[in-house]
């Protein structure tokens, strides 16, 4: 089973590098990227889960409607990506459900910061996907956390996939920078061990970042961005489909896991 997801947020990475960047500028980039993602998914007839910030849901109604019309799941990703708080999951749910008219069942904290699972449960979520069980200096130190789904305080925790032995992260940066053959091999090894693959990307990765030096983006982020990232995502999806794997939403995976458990 393939759990493909996208952290659908306003582009704010330039702020991390001292660039004055408005919400309007960030939304413009992310709208382009999200539509490019949707094009790839539509061409391959696969579904994914879009974790949306409150800012994105309120400022991109046409894109949100397209996400739903094409059969994808909408989940929550905080309110303002640049200034996440531990209580955003409540406001995020209210905003996204108001904007979509749908009940939201899943949450992912911006930058995968910690959340309080008991409060997640109280807010009405069924799953939380805010854990990258890897060691990434300056970002994550989770080598002792479970690397596969587990229940905590009544909520299914769905960690991002890492390789079985050395816990090498298989998220967006890896597909940007590794040779594709190596990345595909590691994904296949993880699928063989776990039976599922959980990964995530961002809309702004599919924008031509190399054409905007004023963003001051590090090489590892802008490497293979834009059209090249569309092609990489397309080839990844085609490889997984060729191997016979099913693409499902996070809520569908939650229902299967909790029912079987």
Protein backbone atom coordinates (compact mmCIF):
# COMPACT_ATOMS: atom_id res chain seq x y z
CA UNK A 1 0.00 0.00 0.00
CA UNK A 2 1.26 3.45 -0.96
CA UNK A 3 0.37 6.43 1.24
CA UNK A 4 1.40 9.38 -0.90
CA UNK A 5 0.88 12.80 0.67
CA UNK A 6 1.55 16.49 0.15
CA UNK A 7 1.98 19.15 2.82
CA UNK A 8 -0.14 21.74 1.06
CA UNK A 9 1.00 24.96 2.64
CA UNK A 10 1.90 28.52 1.77
CA UNK A 11 5.53 28.67 0.60
CA UNK A 12 7.55 30.20 3.45
CA UNK A 13 11.04 28.69 3.10
CA UNK A 14 12.61 32.02 1.99
CA UNK A 15 11.78 33.38 5.44
CA UNK A 16 14.15 30.81 6.92
CA UNK A 17 16.92 32.53 4.95
CA UNK A 18 16.08 36.10 5.89
CA UNK A 19 13.92 36.97 2.87
CA UNK A 20 10.86 39.14 3.45
CA UNK A 21 8.14 37.01 1.89
CA UNK A 22 4.40 37.70 2.04
CA UNK A 23 1.51 35.26 2.32
CA UNK A 24 0.37 36.31 -1.15
CA UNK A 25 3.76 35.47 -2.65
CA UNK A 26 3.84 32.14 -0.85
CA UNK A 27 0.35 31.24 -2.01
CA UNK A 28 1.15 32.06 -5.63
CA UNK A 29 4.04 29.59 -5.61
CA UNK A 30 2.08 26.86 -3.85
CA UNK A 31 -0.95 27.16 -6.13
CA UNK A 32 1.24 26.51 -9.17
CA UNK A 33 2.93 23.58 -7.47
CA UNK A 34 -0.30 21.97 -6.27
CA UNK A 35 -1.84 22.07 -9.72
CA UNK A 36 1.29 20.46 -11.15
CA UNK A 37 1.07 17.71 -8.55
CA UNK A 38 -2.58 17.15 -9.39
CA UNK A 39 -1.69 16.88 -13.07
CA UNK A 40 0.79 14.08 -12.34
CA UNK A 41 -1.68 12.21 -10.12
CA UNK A 42 -4.50 12.57 -12.64
CA UNK A 43 -2.36 11.31 -15.51
CA UNK A 44 -1.45 8.24 -13.46
CA UNK A 45 -4.96 7.65 -12.02
CA UNK A 46 -3.78 7.55 -8.39
CA UNK A 47 -5.08 9.20 -5.25
CA UNK A 48 -3.22 10.92 -2.42
CA UNK A 49 -3.80 12.81 0.82
CA UNK A 50 -3.33 16.59 0.92
CA UNK A 51 -2.49 17.97 4.37
CA UNK A 52 -3.66 21.59 4.05
CA UNK A 53 -2.96 24.59 6.24
CA UNK A 54 -5.81 26.88 7.18
CA UNK A 55 -4.09 29.62 5.18
CA UNK A 56 -4.02 27.50 2.03
CA UNK A 57 -7.63 26.34 2.41
CA UNK A 58 -8.90 29.91 2.79
CA UNK A 59 -6.79 31.42 0.02
CA UNK A 60 -6.99 28.75 -2.69
CA UNK A 61 -10.65 27.68 -2.96
CA UNK A 62 -10.36 26.66 -6.62
CA UNK A 63 -7.38 24.41 -5.91
CA UNK A 64 -9.09 22.91 -2.87
CA UNK A 65 -12.12 22.12 -5.00
CA UNK A 66 -9.94 20.45 -7.62
CA UNK A 67 -8.29 18.30 -4.93
CA UNK A 68 -11.69 17.04 -3.83
CA UNK A 69 -13.17 16.72 -7.32
CA UNK A 70 -10.30 14.44 -8.37
CA UNK A 71 -10.86 12.03 -5.49
CA UNK A 72 -8.12 12.95 -3.05
CA UNK A 73 -8.35 13.18 0.71
CA UNK A 74 -8.08 16.52 2.50
CA UNK A 75 -6.43 16.53 5.94
CA UNK A 76 -5.13 19.28 8.23
CA UNK A 77 -1.66 20.84 8.49
CA UNK A 78 -2.03 23.59 11.06
CA UNK A 79 -3.14 27.14 10.41
CA UNK A 80 -0.14 29.34 9.61
CA UNK A 81 2.84 27.23 8.53
CA UNK A 82 5.39 29.83 9.59
CA UNK A 83 4.05 30.13 13.16
CA UNK A 84 2.70 26.70 14.23
CA UNK A 85 1.36 26.21 17.74
CA UNK A 86 0.45 23.12 19.72
CA UNK A 87 -3.23 24.03 19.60
CA UNK A 88 -3.54 24.77 15.88
CA UNK A 89 -5.08 21.36 15.24
CA UNK A 90 -8.43 22.59 16.57
CA UNK A 91 -8.53 25.80 14.51
CA UNK A 92 -7.10 24.01 11.49
CA UNK A 93 -9.92 21.47 11.56
CA UNK A 94 -12.53 24.19 11.90
CA UNK A 95 -11.11 26.17 8.97
CA UNK A 96 -10.54 23.27 6.58
CA UNK A 97 -13.94 21.72 7.29
CA UNK A 98 -15.64 25.09 6.77
CA UNK A 99 -13.80 25.62 3.48
CA UNK A 100 -14.42 22.11 2.14
CA UNK A 101 -17.74 21.09 3.67
CA UNK A 102 -16.13 17.77 4.57
CA UNK A 103 -15.19 16.08 7.83
CA UNK A 104 -11.43 15.90 8.29
CA UNK A 105 -9.92 12.83 9.97
CA UNK A 106 -6.16 13.39 9.88
CA UNK A 107 -3.53 15.82 11.07
CA UNK A 108 0.12 16.61 10.43
CA UNK A 109 1.86 19.35 12.40
CA UNK A 110 3.91 21.86 10.36
CA UNK A 111 7.57 20.79 10.20
CA UNK A 112 6.43 17.63 12.00
CA UNK A 113 6.72 19.34 15.37
CA UNK A 114 5.35 17.42 18.40
CA UNK A 115 1.65 17.39 19.21
CA UNK A 116 -0.40 16.16 22.17
CA UNK A 117 -2.14 13.00 20.97
CA UNK A 118 -4.85 13.10 23.64
CA UNK A 119 -5.85 16.56 22.38
CA UNK A 120 -5.73 15.29 18.79
CA UNK A 121 -8.19 12.59 19.78
CA UNK A 122 -10.41 15.09 21.61
CA UNK A 123 -10.53 17.27 18.49
CA UNK A 124 -11.99 14.35 16.53
CA UNK A 125 -9.02 13.17 14.46
CA UNK A 126 -8.50 9.46 13.79
CA UNK A 127 -4.83 9.63 12.85
CA UNK A 128 -1.73 11.78 13.27
CA UNK A 129 1.15 11.75 10.78
CA UNK A 130 3.60 14.10 12.50
CA UNK A 131 6.56 11.77 13.01
CA UNK A 132 9.67 11.26 10.89
CA UNK A 133 11.45 8.44 12.79
CA UNK A 134 14.92 9.37 11.57
CA UNK A 135 17.91 11.42 12.69
CA UNK A 136 18.19 14.62 10.68
CA UNK A 137 20.54 17.14 12.36
CA UNK A 138 18.76 20.34 13.28
CA UNK A 139 15.31 18.93 12.53
CA UNK A 140 14.49 15.44 13.84
CA UNK A 141 15.96 13.15 16.51
CA UNK A 142 13.61 10.19 16.60
CA UNK A 143 15.80 7.11 16.38
CA UNK A 144 14.06 5.39 19.30
CA UNK A 145 10.50 6.00 18.09
CA UNK A 146 8.58 3.29 16.22
CA UNK A 147 9.17 3.38 12.48
CA UNK A 148 5.82 1.79 11.58
CA UNK A 149 2.24 2.74 12.55
CA UNK A 150 1.19 2.42 16.21
CA UNK A 151 -1.65 3.53 18.46
CA UNK A 152 -1.13 6.25 21.06
CA UNK A 153 -3.85 7.78 23.20
CA UNK A 154 -6.53 6.43 20.88
CA UNK A 155 -5.01 7.90 17.72
CA UNK A 156 -3.23 5.96 14.98
CA UNK A 157 0.28 7.36 14.50
CA UNK A 158 1.47 7.05 10.89
CA UNK A 159 5.22 7.78 10.70
CA UNK A 160 6.94 8.71 7.47
CA UNK A 161 8.79 5.75 6.00
CA UNK A 162 12.48 5.25 6.67
CA UNK A 163 14.64 2.31 5.59
CA UNK A 164 14.47 -0.71 7.93
CA UNK A 165 18.07 -0.89 9.13
CA UNK A 166 19.74 2.53 9.13
CA UNK A 167 16.49 4.57 9.18
CA UNK A 168 17.43 6.59 6.12
CA UNK A 169 14.54 9.02 5.45
CA UNK A 170 12.65 8.48 2.21
CA UNK A 171 10.88 11.83 2.17
CA UNK A 172 11.01 14.71 -0.31
CA UNK A 173 14.68 15.70 0.07
CA UNK A 174 15.75 12.17 -0.78
CA UNK A 175 13.94 12.12 -4.10
CA UNK A 176 15.38 15.55 -4.91
CA UNK A 177 18.99 14.58 -4.40
CA UNK A 178 19.57 10.83 -4.63
CA UNK A 179 20.04 8.97 -7.91
CA UNK A 180 16.55 7.81 -8.81
CA UNK A 181 17.61 4.18 -9.14
CA UNK A 182 18.97 4.19 -5.59
CA UNK A 183 15.87 5.88 -4.21
CA UNK A 184 13.56 3.42 -5.96
CA UNK A 185 15.62 0.49 -4.63
CA UNK A 186 15.35 1.76 -1.05
CA UNK A 187 11.60 2.26 -1.45
CA UNK A 188 11.23 -1.30 -2.72
CA UNK A 189 13.27 -2.65 0.22
CA UNK A 190 11.08 -0.74 2.67
CA UNK A 191 7.90 -1.99 1.02
CA UNK A 192 9.17 -5.56 1.18
CA UNK A 193 9.79 -5.20 4.91
CA UNK A 194 6.78 -3.12 5.96
CA UNK A 195 4.12 -3.80 3.35
CA UNK A 196 3.41 -0.08 3.00
CA UNK A 197 5.23 3.13 2.07
CA UNK A 198 4.52 6.56 3.59
CA UNK A 199 6.05 9.65 2.04
CA UNK A 200 5.40 13.36 1.61
CA UNK A 201 6.27 16.30 -0.61
CA UNK A 202 5.38 20.02 -0.84
CA UNK A 203 3.80 22.01 -3.67
CA UNK A 204 6.65 24.52 -3.83
CA UNK A 205 9.08 21.73 -4.79
CA UNK A 206 7.26 21.61 -8.13
CA UNK A 207 7.85 25.31 -8.80
CA UNK A 208 10.90 26.42 -10.80
CA UNK A 209 12.94 27.44 -7.75
CA UNK A 210 16.20 27.63 -9.71
CA UNK A 211 14.80 30.58 -11.67
CA UNK A 212 14.41 32.64 -8.49
CA UNK A 213 17.77 33.37 -6.84
CA UNK A 214 16.02 36.02 -4.75
CA UNK A 215 14.43 33.18 -2.75
CA UNK A 216 17.94 32.27 -1.49
CA UNK A 217 17.11 28.56 -1.53
CA UNK A 218 19.81 26.01 -0.63
CA UNK A 219 20.96 23.74 -3.44
CA UNK A 220 19.57 20.56 -1.82
CA UNK A 221 16.08 22.07 -1.90
CA UNK A 222 16.06 23.60 -5.38
CA UNK A 223 17.92 20.64 -6.93
CA UNK A 224 15.63 18.91 -9.45
CA UNK A 225 12.75 21.26 -8.59
CA UNK A 226 9.93 22.32 -10.90
CA UNK A 227 9.42 20.28 -14.07
CA UNK A 228 12.24 17.94 -13.07
CA UNK A 229 10.45 17.13 -9.82
CA UNK A 230 7.24 16.50 -11.72
CA UNK A 231 9.12 13.98 -13.83
CA UNK A 232 10.67 12.35 -10.77
CA UNK A 233 7.30 12.03 -9.07
CA UNK A 234 5.79 10.66 -12.26
CA UNK A 235 8.49 8.00 -12.58
CA UNK A 236 8.16 7.05 -8.91
CA UNK A 237 4.40 6.59 -9.25
CA UNK A 238 4.80 4.60 -12.46
CA UNK A 239 7.40 2.32 -10.83
CA UNK A 240 5.12 1.64 -7.87
CA UNK A 241 2.12 0.99 -10.11
CA UNK A 242 4.18 -1.35 -12.30
CA UNK A 243 5.12 -3.32 -9.16
CA UNK A 244 1.42 -3.73 -8.43
CA UNK A 245 1.09 -1.51 -5.37
CA UNK A 246 -2.21 0.12 -4.40
CA UNK A 247 -2.41 3.85 -3.69
CA UNK A 248 -4.76 4.61 -0.79
CA UNK A 249 -5.61 7.61 1.37
CA UNK A 250 -4.48 7.91 4.97
CA UNK A 251 -8.04 7.53 6.24
CA UNK A 252 -8.48 4.33 4.24
CA UNK A 253 -5.22 3.03 5.70
CA UNK A 254 -6.39 3.99 9.20
CA UNK A 255 -9.64 2.12 8.74
CA UNK A 256 -7.84 -0.99 7.47
CA UNK A 257 -5.25 -0.88 10.27
CA UNK A 258 -7.62 -0.27 13.17
CA UNK A 259 -10.15 -2.84 11.89
CA UNK A 260 -7.50 -5.53 11.45
CA UNK A 261 -5.87 -4.60 14.76
